[in-house]
Amino acid sequence: MSVQKVALITASSAGLGAQIARVFAPDFRVVLNYSNNKSRADTLLDELSKIPSTHSSPQTPRFHVIQADAASKPSVEALVKDTISTMGRLDVVVSNAGWTRVTNFLNIDESVNEDDWDKCFTMNVKTHLWLAYAAKDALAETEGTFISTASVAGVKPSGSSLPYAVTKAAQIHLAKGLAVILAPKIRVNSVSPGMLLTEWGMKFPESKREAAKNNTKLKRLATVDDVADQVRTLALSRSVTGQNLCIDGGSSL
């Protein structure tokens, strides 16, 4: 009898995180995480519960929701502890939390805000390290995988702000470092989407969204569906580690 695998997805009540949860829901047991919007997480939970399980012997609970603040190390540690005590194992961690403040990337005066740097570094670098560290023993047991959501801004200087781009570059390098450190039991990779028209992406003016589309080689922006499907592919692959997958329509070329 095959054991049903467990995936923990942070920042998963909406947007990309929610779509990743939908993609994992048929055959994984899924732990959702939200920071403050409980009703949105509960709505997603209801939706996921209606997705039929394709697993031959689905275990319970299939889904679990945990509130946690990704900016707090003790909160991240408690999130992992709760996941393991409720689900009994951990096979996949998708570290999807992040933060930025939208500025004019080309305006250096907007790029020297200390609070922006501190918050970006906490949310785009340190939280992923805390989560990987908290989950490492459980992931080693299952020979699991850790995947973090970075950004094409970390590959090609661009995006919402300089602190965001620089810390996303650090996040990508962190994933590579962890891939070296946590091998051979745990695979660690990152995905770097281009602009996604999520609730967050729609905050950009239409002119910027159109420019981003025109800047791609495929003349289309990646979708949350594209990215979620690639996260699942990385989770299932036994042979990929230390890679950063740009899902950006070729905008970084």
Protein backbone atom coordinates (compact mmCIF):
# COMPACT_ATOMS: atom_id res chain seq x y z
CA MET A 1 0.00 0.00 0.00
CA SER A 2 1.53 3.32 -1.05
CA VAL A 3 1.67 5.97 1.63
CA GLN A 4 0.04 9.27 0.79
CA LYS A 5 2.55 12.10 0.71
CA VAL A 6 2.11 15.40 2.56
CA ALA A 7 2.79 18.87 1.13
CA LEU A 8 3.06 22.05 3.21
CA ILE A 9 2.49 25.24 1.21
CA THR A 10 3.12 28.59 2.88
CA ALA A 11 1.19 31.73 1.97
CA SER A 12 -1.36 29.49 0.28
CA SER A 13 -4.74 31.10 0.89
CA ALA A 14 -4.74 32.98 -2.44
CA GLY A 15 -2.87 33.57 -5.68
CA LEU A 16 -0.02 31.25 -6.62
CA GLY A 17 -0.02 29.40 -3.28
CA ALA A 18 -3.69 28.52 -3.64
CA GLN A 19 -3.18 27.24 -7.18
CA ILE A 20 -0.25 25.08 -6.02
CA ALA A 21 -2.58 23.64 -3.37
CA ARG A 22 -5.18 22.83 -6.05
CA VAL A 23 -2.56 21.04 -8.16
CA PHE A 24 -1.39 18.94 -5.21
CA ALA A 25 -4.87 18.24 -3.81
CA PRO A 26 -5.85 15.16 -5.89
CA ASP A 27 -3.06 12.88 -4.66
CA PHE A 28 -1.25 14.67 -1.82
CA ARG A 29 -2.45 15.56 1.66
CA VAL A 30 -2.07 19.33 1.86
CA VAL A 31 -1.37 21.77 4.68
CA LEU A 32 -2.43 25.33 3.93
CA ASN A 33 -0.95 28.36 5.67
CA TYR A 34 -2.24 31.91 5.96
CA SER A 35 -0.97 34.93 7.88
CA ASN A 36 -4.16 36.84 8.71
CA ASN A 37 -7.03 36.11 6.29
CA LYS A 38 -8.69 33.07 7.89
CA SER A 39 -11.93 33.30 5.90
CA ARG A 40 -10.03 33.17 2.62
CA ALA A 41 -8.11 30.08 3.80
CA ASP A 42 -11.37 28.43 4.91
CA THR A 43 -12.98 29.16 1.54
CA LEU A 44 -10.05 27.48 -0.23
CA LEU A 45 -10.28 24.53 2.18
CA ASP A 46 -13.95 24.05 1.20
CA GLU A 47 -12.98 24.15 -2.47
CA LEU A 48 -10.14 21.63 -2.05
CA SER A 49 -12.38 19.26 -0.09
CA LYS A 50 -14.60 18.93 -3.17
CA ILE A 51 -11.67 17.75 -5.33
CA PRO A 52 -11.82 13.94 -5.51
CA SER A 53 -8.78 12.11 -4.17
CA THR A 54 -7.03 10.00 -6.82
CA HIS A 55 -4.98 8.16 -4.20
CA SER A 56 -5.74 4.47 -3.79
CA SER A 57 -6.01 4.76 -0.02
CA PRO A 58 -6.63 8.39 0.99
CA GLN A 59 -5.75 9.10 4.61
CA THR A 60 -7.27 11.62 6.95
CA PRO A 61 -7.08 14.45 7.46
CA ARG A 62 -6.63 15.22 3.77
CA PHE A 63 -6.27 18.94 4.49
CA HIS A 64 -5.23 21.10 7.40
CA VAL A 65 -5.06 24.89 7.81
CA ILE A 66 -2.49 26.63 10.03
CA GLN A 67 -2.10 30.32 10.80
CA ALA A 68 1.56 31.41 10.92
CA ASP A 69 3.54 34.61 10.48
CA ALA A 70 6.37 33.94 8.03
CA ALA A 71 8.27 36.94 9.43
CA SER A 72 8.60 35.22 12.81
CA LYS A 73 11.09 32.38 13.28
CA PRO A 74 9.18 30.81 16.22
CA SER A 75 5.97 30.98 14.18
CA VAL A 76 7.63 29.19 11.25
CA GLU A 77 8.98 26.52 13.61
CA ALA A 78 5.51 26.03 15.14
CA LEU A 79 4.02 25.72 11.64
CA VAL A 80 6.27 22.77 10.82
CA LYS A 81 5.71 21.16 14.21
CA ASP A 82 1.92 21.40 13.83
CA THR A 83 2.14 20.00 10.28
CA ILE A 84 4.09 16.93 11.38
CA SER A 85 2.02 16.27 14.51
CA THR A 86 -1.24 16.51 12.53
CA MET A 87 -0.21 14.76 9.31
CA GLY A 88 2.44 12.38 10.61
CA ARG A 89 5.01 13.08 7.90
CA LEU A 90 6.27 15.73 5.49
CA ASP A 91 7.36 15.15 1.89
CA VAL A 92 7.14 18.49 0.10
CA VAL A 93 7.57 22.04 1.38
CA VAL A 94 6.65 24.90 -0.94
CA SER A 95 8.04 28.06 0.63
CA ASN A 96 5.90 30.67 -1.05
CA ALA A 97 6.01 33.69 1.30
CA GLY A 98 7.53 36.93 0.06
CA TRP A 99 7.24 40.70 0.29
CA THR A 100 7.87 43.87 -1.66
CA ARG A 101 6.84 47.49 -1.79
CA VAL A 102 6.16 48.72 -5.30
CA THR A 103 8.52 51.54 -6.26
CA ASN A 104 10.06 52.93 -9.42
CA PHE A 105 12.96 50.53 -9.94
CA LEU A 106 14.99 53.14 -11.82
CA ASN A 107 14.70 55.78 -9.08
CA ILE A 108 17.66 55.30 -6.72
CA ASP A 109 16.07 57.61 -4.13
CA GLU A 110 13.23 55.10 -3.73
CA SER A 111 15.73 52.25 -3.34
CA VAL A 112 17.40 53.24 -0.06
CA ASN A 113 14.53 52.79 2.37
CA GLU A 114 15.94 50.84 5.34
CA ASP A 115 12.58 49.30 6.26
CA ASP A 116 12.16 47.97 2.71
CA TRP A 117 15.56 46.27 2.84
CA ASP A 118 14.96 44.78 6.27
CA LYS A 119 11.48 43.48 5.47
CA CYS A 120 12.52 42.16 2.03
CA PHE A 121 15.48 40.35 3.57
CA THR A 122 13.31 38.79 6.26
CA MET A 123 10.49 37.74 3.93
CA ASN A 124 12.49 36.84 0.81
CA VAL A 125 15.53 35.19 2.41
CA LYS A 126 15.41 34.43 6.13
CA THR A 127 11.91 32.93 6.26
CA HIS A 128 12.90 30.34 3.62
CA LEU A 129 16.00 29.41 5.63
CA TRP A 130 13.96 29.09 8.84
CA LEU A 131 11.42 26.89 7.11
CA ALA A 132 14.02 24.64 5.49
CA TYR A 133 15.84 24.29 8.81
CA ALA A 134 12.66 23.46 10.71
CA ALA A 135 11.58 20.89 8.09
CA LYS A 136 14.96 19.28 7.34
CA ASP A 137 14.67 16.24 9.63
CA ALA A 138 11.17 15.35 8.46
CA LEU A 139 12.15 15.85 4.80
CA ALA A 140 15.28 13.73 5.22
CA GLU A 141 13.11 10.89 6.57
CA THR A 142 10.95 10.90 3.44
CA GLU A 143 13.74 11.91 1.02
CA GLY A 144 11.54 14.87 0.27
CA THR A 145 11.90 18.19 -1.47
CA PHE A 146 11.94 21.90 -0.63
CA ILE A 147 10.88 24.41 -3.29
CA SER A 148 10.91 28.16 -2.81
CA THR A 149 9.15 30.79 -4.91
CA ALA A 150 11.65 33.41 -6.04
CA SER A 151 11.27 35.78 -9.00
CA VAL A 152 12.78 36.59 -12.36
CA ALA A 153 13.70 39.90 -10.66
CA GLY A 154 16.36 37.88 -8.86
CA VAL A 155 17.88 36.81 -12.18
CA LYS A 156 17.61 40.00 -14.22
CA PRO A 157 17.63 43.37 -12.37
CA SER A 158 13.99 44.37 -12.66
CA GLY A 159 10.70 44.20 -10.84
CA SER A 160 8.99 46.16 -8.11
CA SER A 161 12.03 47.45 -6.25
CA LEU A 162 15.80 47.12 -5.88
CA PRO A 163 15.53 45.55 -2.39
CA TYR A 164 13.11 42.99 -3.83
CA ALA A 165 15.37 42.12 -6.77
CA VAL A 166 18.50 41.83 -4.62
CA THR A 167 16.84 39.68 -1.95
CA LYS A 168 15.24 37.46 -4.59
CA ALA A 169 18.75 36.89 -6.00
CA ALA A 170 19.82 35.97 -2.47
CA GLN A 171 16.84 33.62 -2.17
CA ILE A 172 17.88 31.79 -5.37
CA HIS A 173 21.44 31.43 -4.08
CA LEU A 174 20.12 30.27 -0.70
CA ALA A 175 18.23 27.45 -2.45
CA LYS A 176 21.42 26.40 -4.23
CA GLY A 177 23.35 26.51 -0.96
CA LEU A 178 20.71 24.41 0.77
CA ALA A 179 20.76 21.94 -2.14
CA VAL A 180 24.46 21.38 -1.43
CA ILE A 181 24.05 21.22 2.36
CA LEU A 182 20.92 19.03 2.53
CA ALA A 183 21.97 16.52 -0.15
CA PRO A 184 21.71 13.62 -0.71
CA LYS A 185 18.41 13.11 1.14
CA ILE A 186 16.63 16.38 0.30
CA ARG A 187 16.24 18.09 -3.06
CA VAL A 188 16.08 21.90 -3.03
CA ASN A 189 15.03 24.06 -5.98
CA SER A 190 13.48 27.45 -6.68
CA VAL A 191 11.03 28.75 -9.27
CA SER A 192 11.27 32.27 -10.62
CA PRO A 193 8.06 33.48 -12.23
CA GLY A 194 7.87 36.57 -14.34
CA MET A 195 5.03 38.98 -13.62
CA LEU A 196 1.89 37.09 -12.58
CA LEU A 197 -1.48 38.78 -12.83
CA THR A 198 -2.52 37.77 -9.32
CA GLU A 199 -4.20 40.19 -6.95
CA TRP A 200 -0.67 41.44 -6.27
CA GLY A 201 0.33 41.67 -9.95
CA MET A 202 -2.80 43.65 -10.76
CA LYS A 203 -1.51 46.44 -8.51
CA PHE A 204 0.88 47.40 -11.30
CA PRO A 205 -0.50 49.97 -13.76
CA GLU A 206 -1.74 48.54 -17.05
CA SER A 207 1.13 50.19 -18.92
CA LYS A 208 3.65 48.25 -16.81
CA ARG A 209 1.74 44.98 -17.24
CA GLU A 210 1.64 45.51 -21.01
CA ALA A 211 5.36 46.38 -21.08
CA ALA A 212 6.13 43.20 -19.14
CA LYS A 213 4.18 41.13 -21.67
CA ASN A 214 5.93 42.79 -24.61
CA ASN A 215 9.28 42.16 -22.92
CA THR A 216 8.74 38.37 -23.08
CA LYS A 217 9.89 36.34 -26.08
CA LEU A 218 6.56 34.48 -26.16
CA LYS A 219 4.49 37.69 -25.92
CA ARG A 220 2.56 36.22 -23.00
CA LEU A 221 2.93 36.45 -19.25
CA ALA A 222 3.26 33.26 -17.24
CA THR A 223 0.11 32.25 -15.38
CA VAL A 224 -0.29 30.89 -11.87
CA ASP A 225 -1.37 27.61 -13.53
CA ASP A 226 1.95 27.43 -15.45
CA VAL A 227 3.96 28.02 -12.30
CA ALA A 228 1.94 25.65 -10.10
CA ASP A 229 2.33 22.87 -12.68
CA GLN A 230 6.10 23.37 -12.69
CA VAL A 231 6.22 23.29 -8.87
CA ARG A 232 4.47 19.94 -8.99
CA THR A 233 6.92 18.69 -11.63
CA LEU A 234 9.86 19.68 -9.41
CA ALA A 235 8.21 18.00 -6.42
CA LEU A 236 7.85 14.72 -8.32
CA SER A 237 11.29 14.70 -9.97
CA ARG A 238 13.88 12.55 -8.20
CA SER A 239 16.85 13.94 -10.14
CA VAL A 240 16.68 17.74 -9.96
CA THR A 241 18.33 19.77 -7.23
CA GLY A 242 19.96 23.19 -6.96
CA GLN A 243 18.08 24.55 -9.96
CA ASN A 244 16.25 27.82 -10.45
CA LEU A 245 13.48 27.51 -13.00
CA CYS A 246 12.56 30.75 -14.77
CA ILE A 247 8.91 30.67 -15.80
CA ASP A 248 8.85 34.02 -17.52
CA GLY A 249 7.99 33.68 -21.20
CA GLY A 250 11.69 34.21 -21.93
CA SER A 251 11.86 37.73 -20.47
CA SER A 252 15.18 36.99 -18.76
CA LEU A 253 16.89 35.94 -22.00
